[in-house]
Amino acid sequence: MRFRDAAAILDGIPYTSPQKGRLFYDFIMDTRPEECLELGFAHGVSTCYLAAALHELGRGHLTSVDLEASLAFAPSAEELLERTGLRSYVTLVRETSGYNWFLKKKLEERLRDGACEPLYDFCFLDGSKNWTIDGFAFMLVDKLLRPGGWMVFDDYDWTYAEQEARTGRTVTAGVSHRSLSRDELEQSHTAAVFRDLVIPHPDYSNFRVVDDALAFAQKVRAETKSFRLESNASFRYKLVKELRSIRRRLRA
């Protein structure tokens, strides 16, 4: 399915803009994964952009996982997949407590003689944005990700404090803001997972952060790790600070 056809149907539905959808679509077209995993889908807009690229390639499948509460979203992921005609490319899974329980079950399914047989070529993590939940999710996905596969994180710069100031919400993905310390509220948990767990991991390189929103990492060993920032001018100051911080970590 061509990108413009998907965007014509999906434009205006939260929470993925056509601009971000284009990044997803082009990335799938470039990397051509067979088995894809999405953790957190809400309305299913990103799901449809990913599936549209698979349809255009004529290959691959996407498993998308979210909470049972996502059934209340209008439109639902099922509705959008029907509108786009992409239902056959996607398996939707809903769990009571979240995607880590799905990952636990999938890991057990893939155990062979005490080791996990990898399954996925691509994983898009767009869920709780919480250090404890998503840090553990990365460790689980790592066992299920094939060598050469890609991890992509959304909401790289998202913070609880900014969310509360902007929307007034004091609970996010089941996490009460009142249970968090001031520094937990003000720091991006997704960025912490990426900087503190993914970048130092010996099996990952080819790091890339786009507009302080999406972070990419490839499961590939490299003697010299690479890191690339892509941004428009409005993000320049923040990104220069981030690049300096990450370079210090890579040197260490």
Protein backbone atom coordinates (compact mmCIF):
# COMPACT_ATOMS: atom_id res chain seq x y z
CA MET A 1 0.00 0.00 0.00
CA ARG A 2 1.47 3.35 -1.01
CA PHE A 3 2.25 5.74 1.80
CA ARG A 4 0.00 8.52 0.52
CA ASP A 5 -2.97 6.13 0.41
CA ALA A 6 -2.40 5.10 4.03
CA ALA A 7 -1.87 8.71 5.15
CA ALA A 8 -5.12 9.80 3.48
CA ILE A 9 -6.99 7.38 5.76
CA LEU A 10 -4.95 7.88 8.94
CA ASP A 11 -4.21 11.62 8.99
CA GLY A 12 -5.72 13.33 12.04
CA ILE A 13 -6.08 10.19 14.19
CA PRO A 14 -3.92 10.13 17.36
CA TYR A 15 -1.12 9.48 18.08
CA THR A 16 1.10 9.17 15.00
CA SER A 17 1.39 12.05 12.55
CA PRO A 18 1.91 11.45 8.83
CA GLN A 19 5.45 12.83 9.26
CA LYS A 20 6.31 10.18 11.83
CA GLY A 21 4.37 7.58 9.87
CA ARG A 22 6.59 8.34 6.88
CA LEU A 23 9.66 7.53 8.98
CA PHE A 24 8.19 4.17 9.96
CA TYR A 25 7.09 3.38 6.42
CA ASP A 26 10.44 4.24 4.84
CA PHE A 27 12.36 2.36 7.53
CA ILE A 28 10.41 -0.85 6.86
CA MET A 29 10.84 -0.40 3.11
CA ASP A 30 14.60 0.01 3.58
CA THR A 31 15.27 -2.77 6.10
CA ARG A 32 12.67 -5.30 4.80
CA PRO A 33 12.01 -7.23 8.04
CA GLU A 34 10.06 -10.49 8.00
CA GLU A 35 8.79 -10.68 11.59
CA CYS A 36 7.91 -7.37 13.27
CA LEU A 37 6.80 -6.60 16.81
CA GLU A 38 5.03 -3.49 18.12
CA LEU A 39 4.66 -2.92 21.85
CA GLY A 40 1.88 -0.40 22.47
CA PHE A 41 -0.51 0.47 19.62
CA ALA A 42 -3.42 2.56 21.06
CA HIS A 43 -5.61 3.44 18.03
CA GLY A 44 -3.32 1.48 15.73
CA VAL A 45 -2.13 4.34 13.50
CA SER A 46 1.54 3.36 13.67
CA THR A 47 0.40 -0.24 13.24
CA CYS A 48 -1.19 0.66 9.93
CA TYR A 49 1.83 2.58 8.64
CA LEU A 50 4.08 -0.39 9.45
CA ALA A 51 1.62 -2.83 7.87
CA ALA A 52 1.24 -0.62 4.79
CA ALA A 53 4.97 -0.93 4.14
CA LEU A 54 4.82 -4.70 4.58
CA HIS A 55 1.93 -4.80 2.11
CA GLU A 56 3.93 -2.74 -0.38
CA LEU A 57 6.84 -5.16 0.01
CA GLY A 58 4.47 -8.12 -0.35
CA ARG A 59 6.03 -9.89 2.64
CA GLY A 60 6.33 -9.92 6.42
CA HIS A 61 4.01 -9.87 9.41
CA LEU A 62 3.46 -7.57 12.39
CA THR A 63 2.42 -8.61 15.90
CA SER A 64 1.10 -5.65 17.89
CA VAL A 65 0.56 -5.84 21.66
CA ASP A 66 -1.29 -3.51 24.02
CA LEU A 67 -3.45 -3.46 27.14
CA GLU A 68 -7.02 -4.74 27.12
CA ALA A 69 -8.01 -1.15 27.87
CA SER A 70 -7.07 -0.23 24.29
CA LEU A 71 -10.39 -1.76 23.22
CA ALA A 72 -11.99 1.47 24.40
CA PHE A 73 -10.13 3.60 21.85
CA ALA A 74 -12.29 5.03 19.08
CA PRO A 75 -11.45 4.28 16.38
CA SER A 76 -9.91 1.00 17.44
CA ALA A 77 -6.93 -0.70 15.83
CA GLU A 78 -9.32 -3.26 14.35
CA GLU A 79 -11.36 -0.51 12.69
CA LEU A 80 -8.30 1.15 11.17
CA LEU A 81 -6.95 -2.11 9.85
CA GLU A 82 -10.31 -2.76 8.20
CA ARG A 83 -10.36 0.74 6.69
CA THR A 84 -6.89 0.29 5.24
CA GLY A 85 -7.42 -3.32 4.18
CA LEU A 86 -4.29 -4.42 6.04
CA ARG A 87 -5.82 -6.84 8.55
CA SER A 88 -4.06 -9.91 7.12
CA TYR A 89 -0.63 -8.40 7.84
CA VAL A 90 -1.25 -7.86 11.56
CA THR A 91 -1.97 -9.95 14.64
CA LEU A 92 -3.37 -7.86 17.50
CA VAL A 93 -2.75 -9.09 21.04
CA ARG A 94 -4.16 -7.57 24.23
CA GLU A 95 -2.88 -8.38 27.71
CA THR A 96 -4.39 -7.49 31.08
CA SER A 97 -1.17 -6.23 32.67
CA GLY A 98 0.90 -5.23 29.65
CA TYR A 99 3.31 -6.36 26.96
CA ASN A 100 5.96 -7.73 29.32
CA TRP A 101 3.68 -10.64 30.11
CA PHE A 102 3.30 -11.29 26.38
CA LEU A 103 7.10 -11.22 26.06
CA LYS A 104 7.45 -13.65 28.98
CA LYS A 105 5.12 -16.13 27.26
CA LYS A 106 6.77 -15.67 23.86
CA LEU A 107 10.22 -16.23 25.38
CA GLU A 108 9.01 -19.49 26.94
CA GLU A 109 7.60 -20.59 23.58
CA ARG A 110 10.97 -20.00 21.93
CA LEU A 111 13.12 -21.85 24.46
CA ARG A 112 15.17 -24.58 22.81
CA ASP A 113 17.50 -26.63 25.03
CA GLY A 114 17.71 -23.84 27.57
CA ALA A 115 18.30 -21.02 25.05
CA CYS A 116 15.85 -18.65 23.40
CA GLU A 117 15.56 -18.96 19.63
CA PRO A 118 15.20 -15.40 18.25
CA LEU A 119 12.11 -14.59 16.22
CA TYR A 120 11.83 -10.88 15.38
CA ASP A 121 13.71 -8.66 12.92
CA PHE A 122 12.21 -5.41 14.17
CA CYS A 123 10.64 -4.12 17.39
CA PHE A 124 8.91 -0.78 17.88
CA LEU A 125 8.50 0.09 21.57
CA ASP A 126 5.84 2.75 22.15
CA GLY A 127 4.29 1.91 25.49
CA SER A 128 4.56 2.94 29.10
CA LYS A 129 7.61 5.24 28.78
CA ASN A 130 8.64 4.01 32.24
CA TRP A 131 12.17 2.96 33.25
CA THR A 132 11.11 -0.15 35.18
CA ILE A 133 8.64 -1.43 32.59
CA ASP A 134 10.46 -0.54 29.38
CA GLY A 135 13.94 -1.27 30.71
CA PHE A 136 12.77 -4.81 31.40
CA ALA A 137 10.94 -4.92 28.07
CA PHE A 138 14.20 -4.17 26.25
CA MET A 139 16.00 -6.99 28.09
CA LEU A 140 13.21 -9.41 27.09
CA VAL A 141 13.01 -8.23 23.48
CA ASP A 142 16.79 -8.56 23.18
CA LYS A 143 16.45 -12.31 23.69
CA LEU A 144 13.80 -12.48 20.96
CA LEU A 145 15.53 -10.19 18.45
CA ARG A 146 17.55 -11.75 15.67
CA PRO A 147 21.11 -10.59 14.97
CA GLY A 148 20.92 -7.64 12.60
CA GLY A 149 17.44 -6.75 13.86
CA TRP A 150 16.37 -3.27 14.92
CA MET A 151 14.97 -1.73 18.10
CA VAL A 152 13.05 1.55 17.74
CA PHE A 153 11.89 3.60 20.73
CA ASP A 154 9.24 6.32 20.56
CA ASP A 155 8.82 9.36 22.85
CA TYR A 156 12.55 9.76 23.43
CA ASP A 157 12.13 13.12 25.16
CA TRP A 158 8.81 12.43 26.95
CA THR A 159 8.59 13.14 30.70
CA TYR A 160 5.90 12.67 33.34
CA ALA A 161 6.27 16.31 34.41
CA GLU A 162 5.65 17.64 30.92
CA GLN A 163 2.71 15.27 30.41
CA GLU A 164 1.08 16.44 33.64
CA ALA A 165 1.65 20.11 32.86
CA ARG A 166 0.24 19.74 29.36
CA THR A 167 -2.78 17.49 30.03
CA GLY A 168 -3.38 17.58 33.79
CA ARG A 169 -3.20 13.79 33.95
CA THR A 170 -1.59 12.33 37.07
CA VAL A 171 -1.63 8.68 35.96
CA THR A 172 0.13 7.39 32.83
CA ALA A 173 -0.14 3.77 31.66
CA GLY A 174 -1.17 2.72 35.17
CA VAL A 175 1.73 4.55 36.85
CA SER A 176 0.67 7.20 39.39
CA HIS A 177 2.83 10.30 39.14
CA ARG A 178 2.52 10.67 42.92
CA SER A 179 4.49 7.46 43.36
CA LEU A 180 7.50 8.96 41.56
CA SER A 181 10.30 11.15 42.89
CA ARG A 182 10.97 14.62 41.46
CA ASP A 183 13.86 13.42 39.29
CA GLU A 184 11.74 10.50 38.03
CA LEU A 185 9.08 13.00 36.98
CA GLU A 186 11.49 15.35 35.25
CA GLN A 187 13.75 12.89 33.41
CA SER A 188 12.86 11.00 30.23
CA HIS A 189 12.69 7.32 31.12
CA THR A 190 12.85 6.29 27.46
CA ALA A 191 16.06 8.26 26.96
CA ALA A 192 17.47 6.66 30.12
CA VAL A 193 16.70 3.16 28.81
CA PHE A 194 18.36 4.01 25.50
CA ARG A 195 21.44 5.68 27.01
CA ASP A 196 22.00 3.40 30.00
CA LEU A 197 20.92 -0.02 28.69
CA VAL A 198 20.95 -0.04 24.89
CA ILE A 199 24.05 2.01 24.03
CA PRO A 200 26.39 0.20 26.48
CA HIS A 201 25.10 -3.22 25.37
CA PRO A 202 27.92 -5.01 23.51
CA ASP A 203 25.54 -6.38 20.86
CA TYR A 204 24.13 -3.02 19.69
CA SER A 205 25.38 -0.21 17.49
CA ASN A 206 24.26 2.08 14.63
CA PHE A 207 22.43 4.37 17.04
CA ARG A 208 20.26 7.13 15.64
CA VAL A 209 17.97 9.70 17.27
CA VAL A 210 15.52 11.67 15.11
CA ASP A 211 14.12 15.00 16.33
CA ASP A 212 14.40 13.94 19.97
CA ALA A 213 11.42 11.66 19.30
CA LEU A 214 12.52 8.33 17.79
CA ALA A 215 15.63 6.36 18.79
CA PHE A 216 17.01 3.52 16.65
CA ALA A 217 19.53 0.78 17.51
CA GLN A 218 20.67 -2.25 15.51
CA LYS A 219 21.57 -5.56 17.10
CA VAL A 220 25.05 -5.83 15.63
CA ARG A 221 28.46 -6.02 17.28
CA ALA A 222 30.90 -3.31 16.26
CA GLU A 223 34.38 -2.42 17.45
CA THR A 224 33.51 1.25 17.04
CA LYS A 225 29.92 2.18 17.81
CA SER A 226 28.26 4.82 15.66
CA PHE A 227 25.74 7.44 16.73
CA ARG A 228 23.83 9.85 14.51
CA LEU A 229 21.47 12.70 15.41
CA GLU A 230 18.95 14.02 12.90
CA SER A 231 17.04 17.17 13.67
CA ASN A 232 15.63 20.42 12.47
CA ALA A 233 16.98 23.73 13.77
CA SER A 234 14.52 24.00 16.64
CA PHE A 235 16.06 20.99 18.35
CA ARG A 236 19.70 21.95 17.77
CA TYR A 237 20.63 23.09 21.28
CA LYS A 238 19.09 20.10 23.04
CA LEU A 239 20.59 17.66 20.56
CA VAL A 240 24.10 19.06 20.87
CA LYS A 241 23.86 18.58 24.65
CA GLU A 242 22.58 15.04 24.16
CA LEU A 243 25.32 14.19 21.67
CA ARG A 244 28.01 15.36 24.06
CA SER A 245 26.51 13.29 26.88
CA ILE A 246 26.30 10.15 24.74
CA ARG A 247 29.81 10.59 23.38
CA ARG A 248 31.12 10.70 26.95
CA ARG A 249 29.30 7.45 27.69
CA LEU A 250 30.66 5.77 24.55
CA ARG A 251 34.22 6.79 25.47
CA ALA A 252 33.72 5.37 28.96
